[in-house]
Amino acid sequence: MYCKTQDTIYLDLFYEKEYFYLFETEAKSHEHSPYLYLLTLEGQYGNPKKDTKVIILTDDKTLTFETVMKVLYSSNLDYKKSVPNFRILFFYDLI
């Protein structure tokens, strides 16, 4: 759960019938997309570089930390469209 200034927003992750589902109280649509994999990816990020973890939902277990980061910061739409769909759940530096 995380909080906005005045409202509480709930996030829940469910695993049912071999799929992961993310539920958000603030979602525009309450139709939920299933994902096959919950992946924890590690790599170097930032300036200076720090050990970082990204936890994502995806249907492609071959996605890498580098690919996810490139999608976030690339301005190349063709590249972004070529990468399988994913959803970032958590993004944090390792201490």
Protein backbone atom coordinates (compact mmCIF):
# COMPACT_ATOMS: atom_id res chain seq x y z
CA MET A 1 0.00 0.00 0.00
CA TYR A 2 1.19 3.53 -0.67
CA CYS A 3 -0.52 6.80 0.13
CA LYS A 4 -1.29 9.97 -1.78
CA THR A 5 -1.74 13.27 -0.04
CA GLN A 6 -5.40 12.78 0.81
CA ASP A 7 -6.42 9.35 -0.45
CA THR A 8 -5.23 5.85 0.25
CA ILE A 9 -4.38 3.72 -2.76
CA TYR A 10 -4.16 -0.04 -2.52
CA LEU A 11 -2.07 -2.34 -4.69
CA ASP A 12 -2.50 -6.10 -4.46
CA LEU A 13 -0.71 -8.83 -6.33
CA PHE A 14 -2.53 -12.12 -6.74
CA TYR A 15 -1.42 -15.45 -8.16
CA GLU A 16 -4.21 -17.61 -9.52
CA LYS A 17 -4.28 -20.45 -12.05
CA GLU A 18 -0.61 -19.93 -12.95
CA TYR A 19 -0.99 -16.17 -13.62
CA PHE A 20 -0.10 -13.04 -11.69
CA TYR A 21 -2.65 -10.23 -11.46
CA LEU A 22 -2.09 -6.69 -10.20
CA PHE A 23 -5.07 -4.87 -8.72
CA GLU A 24 -5.02 -1.10 -8.18
CA THR A 25 -7.81 0.86 -6.54
CA GLU A 26 -7.00 3.89 -8.74
CA ALA A 27 -6.93 2.01 -12.05
CA LYS A 28 -8.94 3.55 -14.89
CA SER A 29 -10.20 0.12 -15.81
CA HIS A 30 -10.74 -2.77 -13.46
CA GLU A 31 -10.13 -5.32 -16.18
CA HIS A 32 -6.89 -6.93 -15.10
CA SER A 33 -4.22 -8.30 -17.37
CA PRO A 34 -2.67 -11.62 -16.41
CA TYR A 35 1.12 -12.03 -16.47
CA LEU A 36 3.00 -15.32 -16.53
CA TYR A 37 6.12 -14.23 -14.66
CA LEU A 38 7.14 -12.17 -11.66
CA LEU A 39 10.83 -11.39 -12.26
CA THR A 40 13.48 -9.81 -10.06
CA LEU A 41 16.17 -8.24 -12.25
CA GLU A 42 19.47 -6.83 -10.99
CA GLY A 43 21.98 -4.52 -12.60
CA GLN A 44 23.86 -1.25 -12.39
CA TYR A 45 21.97 2.04 -12.67
CA GLY A 46 22.48 5.73 -11.98
CA ASN A 47 25.36 8.17 -11.88
CA PRO A 48 27.41 7.02 -10.10
CA LYS A 49 26.39 3.46 -10.88
CA LYS A 50 24.67 1.62 -8.03
CA ASP A 51 23.50 -1.95 -7.66
CA THR A 52 19.78 -1.80 -8.40
CA LYS A 53 16.83 -4.23 -8.42
CA VAL A 54 13.69 -4.02 -10.53
CA ILE A 55 10.72 -6.31 -9.91
CA ILE A 56 8.42 -6.68 -12.92
CA LEU A 57 5.42 -8.58 -14.21
CA THR A 58 5.78 -9.90 -17.75
CA ASP A 59 4.95 -12.73 -20.13
CA ASP A 60 8.59 -12.99 -21.29
CA LYS A 61 11.01 -14.56 -18.83
CA THR A 62 13.98 -13.58 -21.03
CA LEU A 63 13.71 -9.84 -20.29
CA THR A 64 16.89 -8.41 -18.76
CA PHE A 65 17.62 -5.49 -16.47
CA GLU A 66 19.38 -3.70 -19.33
CA THR A 67 16.39 -4.12 -21.68
CA VAL A 68 13.92 -2.82 -19.09
CA MET A 69 16.10 0.20 -18.34
CA LYS A 70 16.61 0.97 -22.04
CA VAL A 71 12.83 0.93 -22.61
CA LEU A 72 12.37 3.42 -19.76
CA TYR A 73 14.87 5.92 -21.11
CA SER A 74 14.79 5.39 -24.87
CA SER A 75 13.07 7.89 -27.13
CA ASN A 76 12.98 5.32 -29.95
CA LEU A 77 9.34 4.19 -30.24
CA ASP A 78 10.21 1.36 -32.62
CA TYR A 79 12.55 -0.08 -30.00
CA LYS A 80 9.97 0.31 -27.23
CA LYS A 81 7.32 -1.46 -29.32
CA SER A 82 9.76 -4.31 -30.06
CA VAL A 83 10.17 -5.20 -26.38
CA PRO A 84 7.58 -7.52 -24.81
CA ASN A 85 5.08 -5.91 -22.46
CA PHE A 86 6.07 -5.59 -18.81
CA ARG A 87 4.90 -3.76 -15.70
CA ILE A 88 7.32 -2.43 -13.06
CA LEU A 89 6.23 -3.13 -9.49
CA PHE A 90 9.32 -2.02 -7.54
CA PHE A 91 12.52 -0.22 -8.39
CA TYR A 92 15.20 0.30 -5.74
CA ASP A 93 18.92 0.59 -5.01
CA LEU A 94 20.61 -2.19 -3.10
CA ILE A 95 22.44 -1.07 0.00
